[in-house]
Protein backbone atom coordinates (compact mmCIF):
# COMPACT_ATOMS: atom_id res chain seq x y z
CA MET A 1 0.00 0.00 0.00
CA ILE A 2 1.59 3.24 -1.16
CA PRO A 3 -0.53 6.32 -0.40
CA ARG A 4 -0.57 9.21 -2.80
CA LYS A 5 1.63 12.07 -1.74
CA ARG A 6 -0.43 14.59 0.19
CA GLN A 7 0.25 16.67 3.23
CA ARG A 8 -2.27 14.99 5.51
CA ILE A 9 -4.58 11.97 5.42
CA ALA A 10 -7.79 11.72 7.43
CA VAL A 11 -8.67 8.23 8.64
CA ALA A 12 -12.36 7.47 9.15
CA MET A 13 -12.26 5.60 12.47
CA SER A 14 -15.32 3.54 13.40
CA GLY A 15 -13.98 2.00 16.60
CA GLY A 16 -13.22 -1.34 14.96
CA VAL A 17 -10.05 -3.22 14.19
CA ASP A 18 -10.07 -2.43 10.46
CA SER A 19 -9.96 1.36 10.68
CA SER A 20 -7.54 1.20 13.60
CA LEU A 21 -5.04 -0.84 11.62
CA ALA A 22 -5.58 1.42 8.60
CA ALA A 23 -4.40 4.39 10.68
CA LEU A 24 -1.39 2.48 11.97
CA LEU A 25 -0.34 1.35 8.48
CA LEU A 26 -0.43 4.92 7.22
CA LEU A 27 1.83 6.01 10.05
CA LYS A 28 4.24 3.20 9.23
CA GLU A 29 4.34 4.50 5.64
CA GLY A 30 5.49 7.85 7.02
CA CYS A 31 2.19 9.65 6.44
CA GLU A 32 0.73 12.34 8.61
CA ALA A 33 -2.62 11.00 9.79
CA ILE A 34 -5.55 12.36 11.74
CA GLY A 35 -8.54 10.39 13.04
CA LEU A 36 -12.15 11.30 12.29
CA THR A 37 -15.33 9.75 13.65
CA PHE A 38 -18.90 10.78 12.98
CA ARG A 39 -21.50 10.44 15.70
CA MET A 40 -24.74 9.21 14.20
CA TRP A 41 -26.82 8.88 17.38
CA PRO A 42 -29.38 11.62 18.05
CA LYS A 43 -29.55 13.09 21.56
CA GLU A 44 -32.52 10.98 22.60
CA GLU A 45 -30.48 7.85 21.85
CA CYS A 46 -27.13 9.03 23.21
CA GLY A 47 -27.03 6.17 25.71
CA VAL A 48 -27.61 3.48 23.11
CA SER A 49 -24.66 1.16 22.69
CA PHE A 50 -24.18 -2.40 21.55
CA GLY A 51 -21.27 -4.44 20.31
CA ARG A 52 -22.41 -4.72 16.69
CA ALA A 53 -22.75 -1.00 16.10
CA CYS A 54 -20.25 1.32 14.50
CA CYS A 55 -19.99 4.98 15.44
CA ASP A 56 -21.83 4.59 18.76
CA LEU A 57 -20.51 5.97 22.05
CA GLU A 58 -18.37 2.93 22.76
CA ALA A 59 -16.93 3.14 19.25
CA VAL A 60 -15.99 6.77 19.82
CA THR A 61 -14.29 5.83 23.07
CA ARG A 62 -12.34 3.03 21.38
CA SER A 63 -11.35 5.23 18.45
CA ARG A 64 -10.16 7.99 20.76
CA ALA A 65 -8.09 5.49 22.76
CA VAL A 66 -6.43 4.17 19.60
CA ALA A 67 -5.74 7.70 18.37
CA GLU A 68 -4.10 8.52 21.69
CA ASP A 69 -1.93 5.39 21.50
CA LEU A 70 -0.91 6.29 17.94
CA LYS A 71 -0.38 9.92 18.98
CA ILE A 72 -2.50 11.35 16.18
CA PRO A 73 -5.05 14.19 16.37
CA TYR A 74 -8.61 12.97 16.73
CA TYR A 75 -11.93 14.68 15.95
CA VAL A 76 -15.57 13.68 16.45
CA PHE A 77 -18.31 15.25 14.34
CA ASP A 78 -22.00 15.18 15.13
CA LEU A 79 -23.63 14.09 11.87
CA SER A 80 -26.72 12.63 13.52
CA ALA A 81 -29.13 14.96 11.71
CA GLU A 82 -27.56 14.21 8.34
CA PHE A 83 -27.42 10.49 9.11
CA LYS A 84 -31.11 10.48 9.98
CA LYS A 85 -32.04 12.28 6.78
CA GLN A 86 -29.76 10.42 4.40
CA VAL A 87 -29.74 6.91 5.89
CA ILE A 88 -32.43 6.27 8.51
CA ASP A 89 -35.28 8.04 6.68
CA TYR A 90 -34.30 6.27 3.45
CA PHE A 91 -34.23 2.93 5.28
CA CYS A 92 -37.72 3.41 6.74
CA GLU A 93 -39.24 4.72 3.52
CA GLU A 94 -37.94 1.83 1.44
CA TYR A 95 -39.39 -0.80 3.77
CA LEU A 96 -42.72 1.01 3.96
CA ASN A 97 -42.80 0.95 0.15
CA GLY A 98 -42.23 -2.79 0.02
CA ARG A 99 -38.57 -2.59 -0.99
CA THR A 100 -35.49 -3.87 0.84
CA PRO A 101 -32.96 -1.06 1.43
CA ASN A 102 -29.18 -1.22 1.68
CA PRO A 103 -28.22 1.50 4.18
CA CYS A 104 -24.50 0.61 4.19
CA VAL A 105 -24.15 1.68 0.55
CA ILE A 106 -25.94 4.96 1.19
CA CYS A 107 -23.91 5.64 4.34
CA ASN A 108 -20.65 5.13 2.45
CA GLU A 109 -21.69 7.41 -0.39
CA LYS A 110 -23.39 10.20 1.53
CA ILE A 111 -21.74 10.17 4.95
CA LYS A 112 -18.30 8.54 5.03
CA PHE A 113 -17.08 9.58 1.59
CA GLY A 114 -19.29 12.63 1.40
CA LEU A 115 -19.83 14.69 4.54
CA LEU A 116 -16.92 13.22 6.48
CA TYR A 117 -14.56 13.99 3.61
CA GLU A 118 -15.79 17.58 3.63
CA LYS A 119 -14.82 17.74 7.31
CA ALA A 120 -11.41 16.31 6.40
CA LEU A 121 -10.85 19.06 3.84
CA ALA A 122 -11.62 21.66 6.51
CA LEU A 123 -8.80 20.12 8.56
CA ASP A 124 -6.34 20.42 5.66
CA ALA A 125 -6.45 16.71 4.79
CA GLY A 126 -6.19 16.04 1.08
CA GLU A 127 -7.32 12.43 1.22
CA ILE A 128 -9.47 10.15 3.33
CA ALA A 129 -8.59 6.58 4.30
CA THR A 130 -10.94 3.88 5.59
CA GLY A 131 -10.69 0.31 6.79
CA HIS A 132 -12.64 -1.10 3.86
CA TYR A 133 -11.27 -4.16 2.09
CA ALA A 134 -10.96 -2.75 -1.41
CA LYS A 135 -8.46 -1.16 -3.82
CA ALA A 136 -8.57 2.22 -5.55
CA VAL A 137 -6.09 2.67 -8.41
CA PHE A 138 -5.65 5.03 -11.34
CA ASP A 139 -5.63 3.46 -14.80
CA LYS A 140 -3.56 5.66 -17.10
CA LYS A 141 -4.84 3.96 -20.22
CA LYS A 142 -8.48 4.53 -19.32
CA GLY A 143 -7.79 7.85 -17.65
CA ARG A 144 -10.09 6.75 -14.83
CA TYR A 145 -9.86 5.73 -11.20
CA LEU A 146 -10.81 2.09 -10.74
CA LEU A 147 -12.34 0.28 -7.81
CA LYS A 148 -10.94 -3.25 -7.51
CA GLU A 149 -11.44 -6.20 -5.20
CA SER A 150 -9.11 -6.53 -2.25
CA ALA A 151 -6.57 -9.33 -2.04
CA GLY A 152 -8.64 -10.95 0.73
CA LYS A 153 -11.60 -11.72 -1.52
CA ASP A 154 -13.61 -13.39 1.25
CA ASN A 155 -13.74 -10.03 3.03
CA ASP A 156 -13.95 -7.82 -0.06
CA GLN A 157 -16.32 -4.85 0.41
CA THR A 158 -16.44 -3.34 -3.07
CA TYR A 159 -20.15 -4.24 -3.26
CA PHE A 160 -20.84 -1.53 -0.68
CA LEU A 161 -18.70 1.04 -2.53
CA PHE A 162 -20.10 0.91 -6.07
CA THR A 163 -21.70 4.37 -5.85
CA LEU A 164 -18.36 6.17 -5.37
CA SER A 165 -17.68 8.76 -8.05
CA GLN A 166 -14.44 9.48 -9.88
CA GLY A 167 -14.08 12.57 -7.70
CA GLN A 168 -14.41 10.51 -4.54
CA LEU A 169 -12.12 7.69 -5.67
CA LYS A 170 -9.45 10.25 -6.51
CA HIS A 171 -9.10 11.11 -2.83
CA VAL A 172 -9.56 7.67 -1.26
CA ILE A 173 -6.96 5.32 0.20
CA PHE A 174 -7.69 1.76 1.31
CA PRO A 175 -4.70 0.68 3.45
CA LEU A 176 -6.15 -2.84 3.88
CA ALA A 177 -6.19 -3.56 0.14
CA GLU A 178 -3.76 -6.46 0.55
CA TYR A 179 -5.26 -7.77 3.80
CA ASN A 180 -8.04 -10.06 4.92
CA LYS A 181 -9.76 -10.08 8.30
CA GLU A 182 -7.53 -12.78 9.77
CA LYS A 183 -4.37 -10.93 8.78
CA THR A 184 -5.80 -7.66 10.06
CA ARG A 185 -6.53 -9.08 13.52
CA LYS A 186 -3.12 -10.76 13.62
CA PHE A 187 -1.28 -7.51 12.87
CA ALA A 188 -3.51 -5.47 15.15
CA LYS A 189 -2.73 -7.82 18.02
CA LYS A 190 0.98 -7.80 17.15
CA PHE A 191 1.06 -4.01 17.34
CA LYS A 192 -1.08 -4.01 20.50
CA LEU A 193 -4.05 -2.11 19.12
CA LYS A 194 -6.86 -2.05 21.69
CA THR A 195 -9.42 -2.93 19.03
CA TYR A 196 -7.79 -6.14 17.74
CA ASN A 197 -10.64 -8.35 18.98
CA THR A 198 -13.66 -6.05 18.56
CA ILE A 199 -16.86 -7.52 17.12
CA SER A 200 -17.35 -6.74 13.44
CA SER A 201 -20.38 -4.59 12.61
CA GLN A 202 -23.04 -6.49 10.70
CA ASP A 203 -26.63 -6.30 9.49
CA VAL A 204 -28.08 -2.83 10.10
CA CYS A 205 -25.74 -1.20 12.59
CA PHE A 206 -28.21 1.35 13.97
CA ILE A 207 -30.90 -1.12 15.05
CA HIS A 208 -30.14 -2.86 18.33
CA ASP A 209 -32.37 -5.94 18.24
CA GLN A 210 -32.73 -6.21 14.43
CA ASN A 211 -36.52 -5.86 14.74
CA TYR A 212 -36.84 -3.68 11.66
CA ALA A 213 -40.61 -3.35 11.61
CA ASP A 214 -40.81 -2.26 15.26
CA TYR A 215 -37.99 0.22 14.70
CA ILE A 216 -39.76 1.67 11.65
CA ARG A 217 -43.06 1.95 13.55
CA LYS A 218 -41.39 3.84 16.40
CA ARG A 219 -39.42 6.08 14.04
CA THR A 220 -42.24 7.00 11.67
CA GLY A 221 -45.41 6.51 13.70
CA VAL A 222 -46.82 4.45 10.83
CA ALA A 223 -48.87 1.52 12.08
CA MET A 224 -48.12 -1.91 10.64
CA LYS A 225 -51.20 -2.85 8.61
CA GLU A 226 -52.06 -6.53 8.35
CA GLY A 227 -53.02 -8.03 5.01
CA ASP A 228 -53.34 -11.20 2.95
CA VAL A 229 -50.61 -13.67 2.11
CA VAL A 230 -51.41 -15.10 -1.32
CA ASP A 231 -49.91 -17.52 -3.81
CA ARG A 232 -49.06 -16.49 -7.37
CA ASP A 233 -52.65 -17.27 -8.45
CA GLY A 234 -54.05 -14.91 -5.81
CA LYS A 235 -55.33 -17.62 -3.49
CA VAL A 236 -55.31 -16.44 0.13
CA LEU A 237 -53.11 -18.68 2.28
CA GLY A 238 -52.89 -16.61 5.44
CA ARG A 239 -52.32 -13.16 6.92
CA HIS A 240 -49.20 -11.05 7.21
CA LYS A 241 -48.27 -8.69 10.08
CA GLY A 242 -47.32 -5.73 7.91
CA ILE A 243 -45.22 -5.33 4.76
CA PRO A 244 -42.02 -4.13 6.55
CA PHE A 245 -41.81 -7.53 8.27
CA TYR A 246 -41.07 -9.25 4.93
CA THR A 247 -38.47 -9.31 2.19
CA ILE A 248 -38.05 -11.26 -1.03
CA GLY A 249 -36.65 -14.75 -0.46
CA GLN A 250 -37.72 -14.86 3.20
CA ARG A 251 -38.80 -18.26 4.48
CA ARG A 252 -39.11 -17.90 8.24
CA GLY A 253 -41.98 -16.19 10.00
CA LEU A 254 -44.70 -16.85 7.42
CA GLY A 255 -46.75 -19.03 9.77
CA ILE A 256 -48.34 -21.01 6.95
CA ALA A 257 -48.51 -24.81 6.85
CA HIS A 258 -47.86 -26.08 3.32
CA LYS A 259 -46.73 -29.30 1.68
CA GLU A 260 -43.58 -27.52 0.46
CA PRO A 261 -41.58 -24.76 2.18
CA LEU A 262 -42.88 -21.34 1.17
CA TYR A 263 -40.83 -18.23 0.41
CA VAL A 264 -41.74 -14.61 -0.15
CA THR A 265 -41.61 -14.08 -3.92
CA GLY A 266 -43.17 -10.65 -4.16
CA ILE A 267 -44.67 -7.71 -2.27
CA ASP A 268 -47.70 -5.88 -3.64
CA ARG A 269 -47.77 -2.67 -1.64
CA SER A 270 -50.79 -1.18 -3.42
CA ALA A 271 -52.92 -4.20 -2.45
CA ASN A 272 -51.08 -4.71 0.86
CA ARG A 273 -50.36 -8.32 -0.07
CA VAL A 274 -47.35 -10.58 0.43
CA ILE A 275 -46.96 -13.11 -2.38
CA VAL A 276 -45.41 -16.50 -1.64
CA GLY A 277 -44.27 -19.49 -3.65
CA THR A 278 -41.98 -22.49 -3.58
CA LYS A 279 -38.20 -22.56 -3.91
CA LYS A 280 -38.32 -22.56 -7.71
CA ASP A 281 -40.49 -19.45 -7.68
CA VAL A 282 -37.73 -17.34 -6.12
CA LEU A 283 -35.34 -18.17 -8.98
CA LYS A 284 -35.33 -15.31 -11.49
CA LYS A 285 -33.78 -15.02 -14.91
CA GLY A 286 -33.24 -11.28 -14.90
CA LEU A 287 -33.87 -7.85 -13.48
CA ILE A 288 -34.06 -4.16 -14.34
CA ALA A 289 -31.73 -1.77 -12.52
CA ASP A 290 -31.69 2.03 -12.40
CA LYS A 291 -29.85 4.87 -10.62
CA LEU A 292 -26.65 3.57 -12.19
CA ASN A 293 -23.07 4.52 -11.43
CA TRP A 294 -20.27 3.53 -13.79
CA ILE A 295 -16.67 3.38 -12.58
CA SER A 296 -14.44 1.58 -15.07
CA ILE A 297 -16.41 2.90 -18.05
CA GLU A 298 -17.94 6.26 -18.89
CA ALA A 299 -21.31 4.74 -19.76
CA LEU A 300 -22.88 1.54 -21.04
CA ASP A 301 -23.72 1.99 -24.71
CA LYS A 302 -23.87 -1.66 -25.82
CA PRO A 303 -24.43 -5.10 -24.26
CA LEU A 304 -21.63 -6.22 -21.97
CA ARG A 305 -20.74 -9.55 -20.36
CA VAL A 306 -20.12 -9.23 -16.62
CA LYS A 307 -20.23 -11.04 -13.33
CA ALA A 308 -23.19 -9.67 -11.37
CA LYS A 309 -23.63 -9.62 -7.61
CA ILE A 310 -27.15 -9.05 -6.25
CA ARG A 311 -26.34 -9.00 -2.52
CA TYR A 312 -23.19 -8.83 -0.44
CA ASN A 313 -23.03 -12.58 0.30
CA HIS A 314 -24.16 -13.57 -3.20
CA LYS A 315 -21.77 -15.56 -5.38
CA ARG A 316 -21.18 -13.51 -8.52
CA ALA A 317 -23.14 -14.81 -11.51
CA ASP A 318 -22.45 -14.65 -15.24
CA ALA A 319 -24.79 -12.17 -16.89
CA LEU A 320 -25.36 -9.94 -19.88
CA ILE A 321 -26.20 -6.30 -19.15
CA THR A 322 -27.95 -4.28 -21.82
CA PRO A 323 -28.94 -0.60 -21.91
CA SER A 324 -32.72 -0.38 -21.76
CA GLY A 325 -33.28 3.37 -22.00
CA SER A 326 -34.22 5.99 -19.43
CA GLY A 327 -31.07 5.39 -17.41
CA GLN A 328 -31.79 1.70 -16.87
CA VAL A 329 -30.10 -1.59 -17.70
CA ARG A 330 -31.52 -5.05 -18.13
CA VAL A 331 -29.57 -7.84 -16.47
CA ASP A 332 -30.03 -11.34 -17.92
CA PHE A 333 -28.41 -14.15 -15.95
CA ASP A 334 -27.02 -17.23 -17.68
CA ILE A 335 -28.51 -19.28 -14.83
CA PRO A 336 -31.55 -18.07 -12.83
CA GLN A 337 -30.54 -16.51 -9.50
CA GLU A 338 -32.22 -16.77 -6.13
CA ALA A 339 -34.29 -13.84 -4.93
CA PRO A 340 -33.04 -10.69 -6.63
CA THR A 341 -34.75 -8.07 -4.49
CA PRO A 342 -36.07 -4.61 -5.43
CA GLY A 343 -34.26 -1.98 -3.38
CA GLN A 344 -31.01 -3.94 -3.18
CA ALA A 345 -27.88 -3.12 -5.17
CA VAL A 346 -26.64 -5.07 -8.15
CA VAL A 347 -22.92 -4.63 -8.82
CA PHE A 348 -21.11 -5.58 -12.02
CA TYR A 349 -17.57 -6.95 -12.19
CA ASP A 350 -15.00 -7.61 -14.89
CA LYS A 351 -12.60 -10.00 -13.14
CA ASP A 352 -11.51 -8.01 -10.07
CA VAL A 353 -12.62 -4.61 -11.39
CA VAL A 354 -15.95 -3.01 -10.50
CA VAL A 355 -17.52 -1.94 -13.77
CA GLY A 356 -20.36 -0.18 -11.99
CA GLY A 357 -23.72 -0.94 -10.48
CA GLY A 358 -27.23 0.20 -9.79
CA TRP A 359 -30.35 -0.41 -7.75
CA ILE A 360 -32.73 -3.28 -8.51
CA ARG A 361 -35.99 -1.76 -9.70
CA GLU A 362 -37.88 -4.92 -10.68
CA VAL A 363 -37.31 -8.57 -11.49
CA VAL A 364 -38.17 -10.05 -14.90
């Protein structure tokens, strides 16, 4: 990892082992580093803290302790209002509309590489570094910054970074590009970082008990409206507790006895219905994506063969992507894929390079 030559680099510190080691590695490269953390908790939740969360009060305490050990300046910014508007409100609205959101992608784009970078500039930092497992390189031939998979592919996080612009990638450093989680913890322990054994953040970091529907109800005041659970022919099989309780591909919690296991295959918000089917019904040949961001190319003007990833833990699948007008692409999989879900991201790869990605609008 060789950082670009700038006067000062701001490290986004989340209180975990990854960002802590990222700061240490920069110092070992002879860089001047400062630590930045954003506080996302509003005042009424200032006492909330749990091991899975990033940027909570405990995370700030851990980040500050690491910064003190590394003898680097450390700053905390209250971005709770912005986080609520950009991430939490989006999260709630998507579920209420029968879609499954991906708040980590939005947080990276709007908060970590957006607002936090603006704070870094105000502190005379020319670049921002994070503990993501990814690579950002400049391709002279293309004249573009590329986002590439990290060496530790099992921990690669490029899926969550596909919305980054050329302007953002120009000022980003990923010190853990050649690391995986095991190596990170090993080195963090070797160098006696206090965070070497911290729990990794997972799922939705701002919801304590992972009860999404209850969280949405409390946040928005919108009551969960019960409705019918139907099969693909419209036959009523049971009742659902409210659309935000369900997502495409879900099997548990349906409460319906059937000769075959049932899965959620669709959500009809206008009719307040949850549609279910068997395992084969969740396999889909293609999808339509919009709100696209291209990284390795300027734009998609003809069909292109790619590997497509429809969720973070999804094994990339061979696909053909084709422009379909109005800022959309059609994705046709060589082999039907399980439960592509409206509201989730689909990211396109050419070997280890992120071509671009978008948001799943509908399945076809």
